[in-house]
Amino acid sequence: MEEYRQHGGCVQPGICTDMKNRALQHQDQLIPYEIQHKAAVTRRIHLRAAQDGTLLVIVPRRMSKRAIHKTLQERVHKVAQFLVGALDRMQETPCYEYINGEEHLYLGQSYPLQVLISADRRSRVRISDQKIQICTADDSLHMIKNKLIAWYRKQAALHFGDRIESIAKSAAWTGGMAPCIRLRKMKRTWGSCSANGTITLNPRLIKAPEVCIDYVIAHELCHLKQMNHSKAFYALQEELYPAWRAAREHLHTRAHIYLHE
């Protein structure tokens, strides 16, 4: 599974939040934080940044406030680094309005959106004149957004299908045959491979450069032979797609942009 763990978001239902003022001392500043006890968290502390910039600390239900504070304060430098990075990612994440001139990504390139009103009830989306053109009789935000997302999914099905056929030819263990693929929108995962050999890919990956798409596909193809992340798996991935490290790093640093709608 190729996954991106995105930091940030809002308080989720079913989480008990401690709203009392708490803060860590870091150099000459205080870092306020809120504690959220979550049943699904059994051992480790997880950090998130809320939309308002608040540091959220997700912890097991039985972990005491004193133990939480002690653990965070001992690692306060890393906590501060995390918060700065999370806030930077929030600022970089676009807030789409789906209007003319707004920039949208496709295969790693940015294209301005052009909405054309048409009397024809059959809408269409295409790239023309270095723009993503949407011809539609309904130019409401909801409709434009849905049309663009549907177009991304269609392009992903076509492009991913072509790439997996091409890359599978270099993977001897596939016998030159491309496995079945399906598309599924996922919050933090780029792709996965099931025990029956079906590869699932995130359609939002179509926004990323082709080298990143090829990396994710190669990664999942390697799972057809090695259903793990062992040394043998990475040796196989190195053989099939030597440029995987740079592609993985790019996806890690830009995922919050590619995954956003």
C-alpha atoms as a PDB file:
ATOM      1  CA  MET A   1       0.000   0.000   0.000  1.00  0.00           C
ATOM      2  CA  GLU A   2       1.295   3.430  -0.934  1.00  0.00           C
ATOM      3  CA  GLU A   3      -0.054   5.874   1.615  1.00  0.00           C
ATOM      4  CA  TYR A   4       0.260   9.507   2.558  1.00  0.00           C
ATOM      5  CA  ARG A   5      -0.496  10.411   6.151  1.00  0.00           C
ATOM      6  CA  GLN A   6      -1.981  13.858   6.003  1.00  0.00           C
ATOM      7  CA  HIS A   7      -1.686  16.033   9.093  1.00  0.00           C
ATOM      8  CA  GLY A   8      -4.485  18.485   9.663  1.00  0.00           C
ATOM      9  CA  GLY A   9      -8.238  18.510   9.827  1.00  0.00           C
ATOM     10  CA  CYS A  10     -11.089  19.098  12.226  1.00  0.00           C
ATOM     11  CA  VAL A  11     -12.231  17.431  15.408  1.00  0.00           C
ATOM     12  CA  GLN A  12     -13.949  14.161  14.506  1.00  0.00           C
ATOM     13  CA  PRO A  13     -17.241  12.871  15.996  1.00  0.00           C
ATOM     14  CA  GLY A  14     -16.782  10.340  18.786  1.00  0.00           C
ATOM     15  CA  ILE A  15     -13.571  11.915  20.077  1.00  0.00           C
ATOM     16  CA  CYS A  16     -13.452  13.265  23.623  1.00  0.00           C
ATOM     17  CA  THR A  17     -11.621  16.600  23.603  1.00  0.00           C
ATOM     18  CA  ASP A  18      -9.971  18.219  26.629  1.00  0.00           C
ATOM     19  CA  MET A  19     -10.505  21.951  26.061  1.00  0.00           C
ATOM     20  CA  LYS A  20      -8.557  23.141  29.111  1.00  0.00           C
ATOM     21  CA  ASN A  21      -5.651  25.461  28.384  1.00  0.00           C
ATOM     22  CA  ARG A  22      -2.418  23.530  28.121  1.00  0.00           C
ATOM     23  CA  ALA A  23       0.866  24.610  26.593  1.00  0.00           C
ATOM     24  CA  LEU A  24       4.387  23.410  25.925  1.00  0.00           C
ATOM     25  CA  GLN A  25       7.439  25.563  26.517  1.00  0.00           C
ATOM     26  CA  HIS A  26       9.595  25.849  23.405  1.00  0.00           C
ATOM     27  CA  GLN A  27      12.484  28.307  23.565  1.00  0.00           C
ATOM     28  CA  ASP A  28      10.818  31.669  24.288  1.00  0.00           C
ATOM     29  CA  GLN A  29       7.308  30.731  23.203  1.00  0.00           C
ATOM     30  CA  LEU A  30       4.366  28.655  24.383  1.00  0.00           C
ATOM     31  CA  ILE A  31       2.643  26.080  22.182  1.00  0.00           C
ATOM     32  CA  PRO A  32      -0.988  25.627  23.308  1.00  0.00           C
ATOM     33  CA  TYR A  33      -2.527  22.226  22.653  1.00  0.00           C
ATOM     34  CA  GLU A  34      -5.750  20.305  23.105  1.00  0.00           C
ATOM     35  CA  ILE A  35      -6.013  16.657  24.067  1.00  0.00           C
ATOM     36  CA  GLN A  36      -8.347  14.281  22.255  1.00  0.00           C
ATOM     37  CA  HIS A  37      -8.888  10.818  23.744  1.00  0.00           C
ATOM     38  CA  LYS A  38      -9.752   8.361  20.992  1.00  0.00           C
ATOM     39  CA  ALA A  39     -10.645   4.715  21.531  1.00  0.00           C
ATOM     40  CA  ALA A  40      -9.021   3.615  18.272  1.00  0.00           C
ATOM     41  CA  VAL A  41      -5.635   4.941  19.443  1.00  0.00           C
ATOM     42  CA  THR A  42      -4.146   2.266  21.675  1.00  0.00           C
ATOM     43  CA  ARG A  43      -0.454   3.065  22.076  1.00  0.00           C
ATOM     44  CA  ARG A  44       1.095   6.026  20.287  1.00  0.00           C
ATOM     45  CA  ILE A  45       0.451   9.760  20.468  1.00  0.00           C
ATOM     46  CA  HIS A  46      -0.659  11.330  17.167  1.00  0.00           C
ATOM     47  CA  LEU A  47      -0.413  15.002  16.276  1.00  0.00           C
ATOM     48  CA  ARG A  48      -2.768  16.970  14.050  1.00  0.00           C
ATOM     49  CA  ALA A  49      -3.333  20.622  13.287  1.00  0.00           C
ATOM     50  CA  ALA A  50      -6.898  21.938  13.234  1.00  0.00           C
ATOM     51  CA  GLN A  51      -8.039  24.409  10.594  1.00  0.00           C
ATOM     52  CA  ASP A  52      -7.599  27.280  13.059  1.00  0.00           C
ATOM     53  CA  GLY A  53      -3.974  26.270  13.713  1.00  0.00           C
ATOM     54  CA  THR A  54      -4.611  24.603  17.070  1.00  0.00           C
ATOM     55  CA  LEU A  55      -2.319  21.686  17.901  1.00  0.00           C
ATOM     56  CA  LEU A  56      -4.432  18.585  18.540  1.00  0.00           C
ATOM     57  CA  VAL A  57      -2.907  15.700  20.460  1.00  0.00           C
ATOM     58  CA  ILE A  58      -4.667  12.376  19.830  1.00  0.00           C
ATOM     59  CA  VAL A  59      -4.000   9.879  22.643  1.00  0.00           C
ATOM     60  CA  PRO A  60      -5.225   6.548  24.056  1.00  0.00           C
ATOM     61  CA  ARG A  61      -8.126   6.885  26.487  1.00  0.00           C
ATOM     62  CA  ARG A  62      -6.169   5.651  29.503  1.00  0.00           C
ATOM     63  CA  MET A  63      -3.127   7.896  29.070  1.00  0.00           C
ATOM     64  CA  SER A  64      -2.916  10.488  31.829  1.00  0.00           C
ATOM     65  CA  LYS A  65      -2.611  14.216  31.168  1.00  0.00           C
ATOM     66  CA  ARG A  66       0.653  14.285  33.112  1.00  0.00           C
ATOM     67  CA  ALA A  67       2.148  11.510  30.964  1.00  0.00           C
ATOM     68  CA  ILE A  68       0.968  13.233  27.790  1.00  0.00           C
ATOM     69  CA  HIS A  69       2.518  16.554  28.775  1.00  0.00           C
ATOM     70  CA  LYS A  70       5.796  14.933  29.862  1.00  0.00           C
ATOM     71  CA  THR A  71       6.090  13.020  26.580  1.00  0.00           C
ATOM     72  CA  LEU A  72       5.355  16.108  24.475  1.00  0.00           C
ATOM     73  CA  GLN A  73       7.682  18.379  26.430  1.00  0.00           C
ATOM     74  CA  GLU A  74      10.546  15.901  26.069  1.00  0.00           C
ATOM     75  CA  ARG A  75      10.052  16.067  22.300  1.00  0.00           C
ATOM     76  CA  VAL A  76       8.987  19.700  22.071  1.00  0.00           C
ATOM     77  CA  HIS A  77      11.463  20.518  19.274  1.00  0.00           C
ATOM     78  CA  LYS A  78       9.894  17.879  17.017  1.00  0.00           C
ATOM     79  CA  VAL A  79       6.410  18.998  18.034  1.00  0.00           C
ATOM     80  CA  ALA A  80       7.258  22.580  17.031  1.00  0.00           C
ATOM     81  CA  GLN A  81       8.664  21.391  13.691  1.00  0.00           C
ATOM     82  CA  PHE A  82       5.516  19.387  13.033  1.00  0.00           C
ATOM     83  CA  LEU A  83       3.244  22.349  13.750  1.00  0.00           C
ATOM     84  CA  VAL A  84       5.202  24.695  11.473  1.00  0.00           C
ATOM     85  CA  GLY A  85       5.085  22.134   8.643  1.00  0.00           C
ATOM     86  CA  ALA A  86       1.374  21.454   9.137  1.00  0.00           C
ATOM     87  CA  LEU A  87       0.509  25.168   9.059  1.00  0.00           C
ATOM     88  CA  ASP A  88       2.649  25.657   5.940  1.00  0.00           C
ATOM     89  CA  ARG A  89       0.764  22.839   4.218  1.00  0.00           C
ATOM     90  CA  MET A  90      -2.564  24.423   5.158  1.00  0.00           C
ATOM     91  CA  GLN A  91      -1.499  27.708   3.569  1.00  0.00           C
ATOM     92  CA  GLU A  92      -0.397  25.901   0.412  1.00  0.00           C
ATOM     93  CA  THR A  93      -3.621  23.926   0.079  1.00  0.00           C
ATOM     94  CA  PRO A  94      -5.860  25.678  -2.459  1.00  0.00           C
ATOM     95  CA  CYS A  95      -9.398  26.723  -1.602  1.00  0.00           C
ATOM     96  CA  TYR A  96     -11.189  25.999  -4.858  1.00  0.00           C
ATOM     97  CA  GLU A  97     -14.126  28.136  -5.985  1.00  0.00           C
ATOM     98  CA  TYR A  98     -14.403  26.532  -9.459  1.00  0.00           C
ATOM     99  CA  ILE A  99     -14.489  29.835 -11.313  1.00  0.00           C
ATOM    100  CA  ASN A 100     -12.902  31.156 -14.513  1.00  0.00           C
ATOM    101  CA  GLY A 101      -9.138  31.578 -14.315  1.00  0.00           C
ATOM    102  CA  GLU A 102      -8.683  29.386 -11.258  1.00  0.00           C
ATOM    103  CA  GLU A 103      -5.671  27.055 -11.608  1.00  0.00           C
ATOM    104  CA  HIS A 104      -6.222  23.285 -11.518  1.00  0.00           C
ATOM    105  CA  LEU A 105      -3.680  20.481 -11.845  1.00  0.00           C
ATOM    106  CA  TYR A 106      -3.513  17.687 -14.397  1.00  0.00           C
ATOM    107  CA  LEU A 107      -0.480  15.372 -14.795  1.00  0.00           C
ATOM    108  CA  GLY A 108       1.626  17.777 -12.777  1.00  0.00           C
ATOM    109  CA  GLN A 109       0.820  20.843 -14.860  1.00  0.00           C
ATOM    110  CA  SER A 110      -1.368  23.763 -13.867  1.00  0.00           C
ATOM    111  CA  TYR A 111      -4.198  24.834 -16.175  1.00  0.00           C
ATOM    112  CA  PRO A 112      -6.599  27.759 -15.768  1.00  0.00           C
ATOM    113  CA  LEU A 113     -10.245  26.787 -15.653  1.00  0.00           C
ATOM    114  CA  GLN A 114     -12.493  28.151 -18.401  1.00  0.00           C
ATOM    115  CA  VAL A 115     -16.245  27.802 -17.964  1.00  0.00           C
ATOM    116  CA  LEU A 116     -18.195  28.202 -21.199  1.00  0.00           C
ATOM    117  CA  ILE A 117     -21.968  28.519 -21.088  1.00  0.00           C
ATOM    118  CA  SER A 118     -23.659  26.398 -23.718  1.00  0.00           C
ATOM    119  CA  ALA A 119     -27.302  25.923 -24.628  1.00  0.00           C
ATOM    120  CA  ASP A 120     -26.488  22.285 -25.312  1.00  0.00           C
ATOM    121  CA  ARG A 121     -27.601  20.256 -22.292  1.00  0.00           C
ATOM    122  CA  ARG A 122     -24.764  17.787 -22.911  1.00  0.00           C
ATOM    123  CA  SER A 123     -21.815  19.202 -20.988  1.00  0.00           C
ATOM    124  CA  ARG A 124     -18.200  18.342 -21.780  1.00  0.00           C
ATOM    125  CA  VAL A 125     -14.770  18.847 -20.260  1.00  0.00           C
ATOM    126  CA  ARG A 126     -11.542  18.971 -22.240  1.00  0.00           C
ATOM    127  CA  ILE A 127      -8.102  20.540 -22.368  1.00  0.00           C
ATOM    128  CA  SER A 128      -7.957  23.139 -25.131  1.00  0.00           C
ATOM    129  CA  ASP A 129      -5.734  26.191 -25.659  1.00  0.00           C
ATOM    130  CA  GLN A 130      -3.808  25.283 -22.500  1.00  0.00           C
ATOM    131  CA  LYS A 131      -6.995  25.526 -20.440  1.00  0.00           C
ATOM    132  CA  ILE A 132      -9.338  23.042 -18.807  1.00  0.00           C
ATOM    133  CA  GLN A 133     -12.582  23.959 -20.551  1.00  0.00           C
ATOM    134  CA  ILE A 134     -15.977  23.044 -19.133  1.00  0.00           C
ATOM    135  CA  CYS A 135     -18.895  23.603 -21.482  1.00  0.00           C
ATOM    136  CA  THR A 136     -22.180  23.454 -19.617  1.00  0.00           C
ATOM    137  CA  ALA A 137     -25.642  24.942 -19.411  1.00  0.00           C
ATOM    138  CA  ASP A 138     -25.409  25.003 -15.602  1.00  0.00           C
ATOM    139  CA  ASP A 139     -22.478  27.017 -14.239  1.00  0.00           C
ATOM    140  CA  SER A 140     -23.289  26.580 -10.539  1.00  0.00           C
ATOM    141  CA  LEU A 141     -20.307  25.805  -8.288  1.00  0.00           C
ATOM    142  CA  HIS A 142     -21.737  22.404  -7.385  1.00  0.00           C
ATOM    143  CA  MET A 143     -22.201  21.422 -11.025  1.00  0.00           C
ATOM    144  CA  ILE A 144     -18.775  22.676 -12.159  1.00  0.00           C
ATOM    145  CA  LYS A 145     -17.050  20.852  -9.304  1.00  0.00           C
ATOM    146  CA  ASN A 146     -18.849  17.584 -10.050  1.00  0.00           C
ATOM    147  CA  LYS A 147     -18.107  17.824 -13.771  1.00  0.00           C
ATOM    148  CA  LEU A 148     -14.416  18.423 -13.123  1.00  0.00           C
ATOM    149  CA  ILE A 149     -14.138  15.567 -10.619  1.00  0.00           C
ATOM    150  CA  ALA A 150     -15.910  13.220 -13.050  1.00  0.00           C
ATOM    151  CA  TRP A 151     -13.488  14.295 -15.797  1.00  0.00           C
ATOM    152  CA  TYR A 152     -10.502  13.623 -13.544  1.00  0.00           C
ATOM    153  CA  ARG A 153     -11.838  10.150 -12.826  1.00  0.00           C
ATOM    154  CA  LYS A 154     -12.375   9.401 -16.514  1.00  0.00           C
ATOM    155  CA  GLN A 155      -8.861  10.566 -17.388  1.00  0.00           C
ATOM    156  CA  ALA A 156      -7.445   8.534 -14.503  1.00  0.00           C
ATOM    157  CA  ALA A 157      -9.132   5.360 -15.771  1.00  0.00           C
ATOM    158  CA  LEU A 158      -7.713   5.865 -19.259  1.00  0.00           C
ATOM    159  CA  HIS A 159      -4.218   6.971 -18.249  1.00  0.00           C
ATOM    160  CA  PHE A 160      -3.718   4.473 -15.420  1.00  0.00           C
ATOM    161  CA  GLY A 161      -4.873   1.659 -17.667  1.00  0.00           C
ATOM    162  CA  ASP A 162      -2.300   2.561 -20.320  1.00  0.00           C
ATOM    163  CA  ARG A 163       0.533   2.949 -17.804  1.00  0.00           C
ATOM    164  CA  ILE A 164      -0.137  -0.286 -15.945  1.00  0.00           C
ATOM    165  CA  GLU A 165      -0.112  -2.205 -19.229  1.00  0.00           C
ATOM    166  CA  SER A 166       3.208  -0.637 -20.171  1.00  0.00           C
ATOM    167  CA  ILE A 167       4.907  -1.117 -16.787  1.00  0.00           C
ATOM    168  CA  ALA A 168       3.599  -4.682 -16.359  1.00  0.00           C
ATOM    169  CA  LYS A 169       5.576  -5.682 -19.449  1.00  0.00           C
ATOM    170  CA  SER A 170       8.772  -5.015 -17.482  1.00  0.00           C
ATOM    171  CA  ALA A 171       7.586  -6.976 -14.447  1.00  0.00           C
ATOM    172  CA  ALA A 172       8.442 -10.583 -15.269  1.00  0.00           C
ATOM    173  CA  TRP A 173       6.252 -11.969 -12.467  1.00  0.00           C
ATOM    174  CA  THR A 174       3.120 -10.632 -14.175  1.00  0.00           C
ATOM    175  CA  GLY A 175       3.776 -12.631 -17.335  1.00  0.00           C
ATOM    176  CA  GLY A 176       3.414  -9.371 -19.234  1.00  0.00           C
ATOM    177  CA  MET A 177      -0.273  -9.212 -18.318  1.00  0.00           C
ATOM    178  CA  ALA A 178      -1.693  -6.150 -16.591  1.00  0.00           C
ATOM    179  CA  PRO A 179      -3.756  -6.953 -13.477  1.00  0.00           C
ATOM    180  CA  CYS A 180      -7.276  -5.714 -12.915  1.00  0.00           C
ATOM    181  CA  ILE A 181      -7.445  -2.162 -11.608  1.00  0.00           C
ATOM    182  CA  ARG A 182     -10.188  -0.177  -9.978  1.00  0.00           C
ATOM    183  CA  LEU A 183     -10.453   3.435  -8.874  1.00  0.00           C
ATOM    184  CA  ARG A 184     -11.438   4.529  -5.386  1.00  0.00           C
ATOM    185  CA  LYS A 185     -11.177   7.967  -3.824  1.00  0.00           C
ATOM    186  CA  MET A 186      -9.112   7.672  -0.639  1.00  0.00           C
ATOM    187  CA  LYS A 187      -8.126  10.295   1.912  1.00  0.00           C
ATOM    188  CA  ARG A 188      -4.517   9.260   2.524  1.00  0.00           C
ATOM    189  CA  THR A 189      -3.721   6.367   0.226  1.00  0.00           C
ATOM    190  CA  TRP A 190      -2.459   6.464  -3.351  1.00  0.00           C
ATOM    191  CA  GLY A 191      -2.880   2.787  -4.087  1.00  0.00           C
ATOM    192  CA  SER A 192      -3.266  -0.715  -2.696  1.00  0.00           C
ATOM    193  CA  CYS A 193      -3.038  -4.310  -3.855  1.00  0.00           C
ATOM    194  CA  SER A 194      -5.461  -6.971  -2.651  1.00  0.00           C
ATOM    195  CA  ALA A 195      -4.692 -10.622  -1.978  1.00  0.00           C
ATOM    196  CA  ASN A 196      -6.516 -11.566  -5.190  1.00  0.00           C
ATOM    197  CA  GLY A 197      -4.237  -9.321  -7.260  1.00  0.00           C
ATOM    198  CA  THR A 198      -6.586  -6.391  -7.852  1.00  0.00           C
ATOM    199  CA  ILE A 199      -4.837  -3.022  -7.762  1.00  0.00           C
ATOM    200  CA  THR A 200      -6.790  -0.038  -6.461  1.00  0.00           C
ATOM    201  CA  LEU A 201      -5.618   3.466  -7.385  1.00  0.00           C
ATOM    202  CA  ASN A 202      -6.699   6.871  -6.157  1.00  0.00           C
ATOM    203  CA  PRO A 203      -8.130   8.895  -9.087  1.00  0.00           C
ATOM    204  CA  ARG A 204      -6.716  12.104  -7.552  1.00  0.00           C
ATOM    205  CA  LEU A 205      -3.273  10.796  -8.471  1.00  0.00           C
ATOM    206  CA  ILE A 206      -4.025  12.011 -12.019  1.00  0.00           C
ATOM    207  CA  LYS A 207      -3.140  15.506 -10.779  1.00  0.00           C
ATOM    208  CA  ALA A 208       0.460  14.452 -10.068  1.00  0.00           C
ATOM    209  CA  PRO A 209       3.337  14.215 -12.589  1.00  0.00           C
ATOM    210  CA  GLU A 210       3.539  11.050 -14.671  1.00  0.00           C
ATOM    211  CA  VAL A 211       6.693   9.896 -12.879  1.00  0.00           C
ATOM    212  CA  CYS A 212       4.682   9.775  -9.646  1.00  0.00           C
ATOM    213  CA  ILE A 213       1.863   7.832 -11.290  1.00  0.00           C
ATOM    214  CA  ASP A 214       4.362   5.323 -12.665  1.00  0.00           C
ATOM    215  CA  TYR A 215       5.976   4.999  -9.242  1.00  0.00           C
ATOM    216  CA  VAL A 216       2.672   4.179  -7.500  1.00  0.00           C
ATOM    217  CA  ILE A 217       1.744   1.674 -10.204  1.00  0.00           C
ATOM    218  CA  ALA A 218       5.186   0.031 -10.028  1.00  0.00           C
ATOM    219  CA  HIS A 219       4.908  -0.075  -6.233  1.00  0.00           C
ATOM    220  CA  GLU A 220       1.598  -1.918  -6.382  1.00  0.00           C
ATOM    221  CA  LEU A 221       2.802  -4.261  -9.129  1.00  0.00           C
ATOM    222  CA  CYS A 222       5.658  -5.295  -6.835  1.00  0.00           C
ATOM    223  CA  HIS A 223       3.084  -6.284  -4.236  1.00  0.00           C
ATOM    224  CA  LEU A 224       1.824  -8.934  -6.636  1.00  0.00           C
ATOM    225  CA  LYS A 225       5.061 -10.787  -5.866  1.00  0.00           C
ATOM    226  CA  GLN A 226       5.935  -9.422  -2.421  1.00  0.00           C
ATOM    227  CA  MET A 227       2.861  -8.654  -0.284  1.00  0.00           C
ATOM    228  CA  ASN A 228       4.951  -6.769   2.262  1.00  0.00           C
ATOM    229  CA  HIS A 229       7.536  -4.005   2.584  1.00  0.00           C
ATOM    230  CA  SER A 230      10.542  -6.230   3.159  1.00  0.00           C
ATOM    231  CA  LYS A 231      14.058  -5.844   1.777  1.00  0.00           C
ATOM    232  CA  ALA A 232      13.040  -8.207  -1.006  1.00  0.00           C
ATOM    233  CA  PHE A 233      10.140  -5.914  -1.885  1.00  0.00           C
ATOM    234  CA  TYR A 234      12.317  -2.801  -2.114  1.00  0.00           C
ATOM    235  CA  ALA A 235      14.904  -4.679  -4.159  1.00  0.00           C
ATOM    236  CA  LEU A 236      12.126  -5.605  -6.575  1.00  0.00           C
ATOM    237  CA  GLN A 237      10.899  -2.008  -6.695  1.00  0.00           C
ATOM    238  CA  GLU A 238      14.439  -0.750  -7.290  1.00  0.00           C
ATOM    239  CA  GLU A 239      14.716  -3.085 -10.266  1.00  0.00           C
ATOM    240  CA  LEU A 240      11.326  -2.173 -11.731  1.00  0.00           C
ATOM    241  CA  TYR A 241      11.401   1.574 -11.068  1.00  0.00           C
ATOM    242  CA  PRO A 242      14.826   2.923  -9.997  1.00  0.00           C
ATOM    243  CA  ALA A 243      13.548   6.529  -9.715  1.00  0.00           C
ATOM    244  CA  TRP A 244      11.059   5.622  -6.982  1.00  0.00           C
ATOM    245  CA  ARG A 245      12.722   7.601  -4.177  1.00  0.00           C
ATOM    246  CA  ALA A 246      12.406  11.007  -5.874  1.00  0.00           C
ATOM    247  CA  ALA A 247       8.813  10.253  -6.918  1.00  0.00           C
ATOM    248  CA  ARG A 248       7.871   9.169  -3.408  1.00  0.00           C
ATOM    249  CA  GLU A 249       9.398  12.312  -1.911  1.00  0.00           C
ATOM    250  CA  HIS A 250       7.522  14.499  -4.381  1.00  0.00           C
ATOM    251  CA  LEU A 251       4.220  12.858  -3.484  1.00  0.00           C
ATOM    252  CA  HIS A 252       4.962  13.206   0.208  1.00  0.00           C
ATOM    253  CA  THR A 253       5.612  16.941  -0.032  1.00  0.00           C
ATOM    254  CA  ARG A 254       2.764  17.738  -2.459  1.00  0.00           C
ATOM    255  CA  ALA A 255       0.091  15.235  -1.439  1.00  0.00           C
ATOM    256  CA  HIS A 256      -1.983  17.798   0.487  1.00  0.00           C
ATOM    257  CA  ILE A 257      -2.382  19.673  -2.809  1.00  0.00           C
ATOM    258  CA  TYR A 258      -3.095  16.708  -5.085  1.00  0.00           C
ATOM    259  CA  LEU A 259      -5.598  15.161  -2.646  1.00  0.00           C
ATOM    260  CA  HIS A 260      -7.581  18.363  -2.180  1.00  0.00           C
ATOM    261  CA  GLU A 261     -10.828  19.019  -4.040  1.00  0.00           C
END
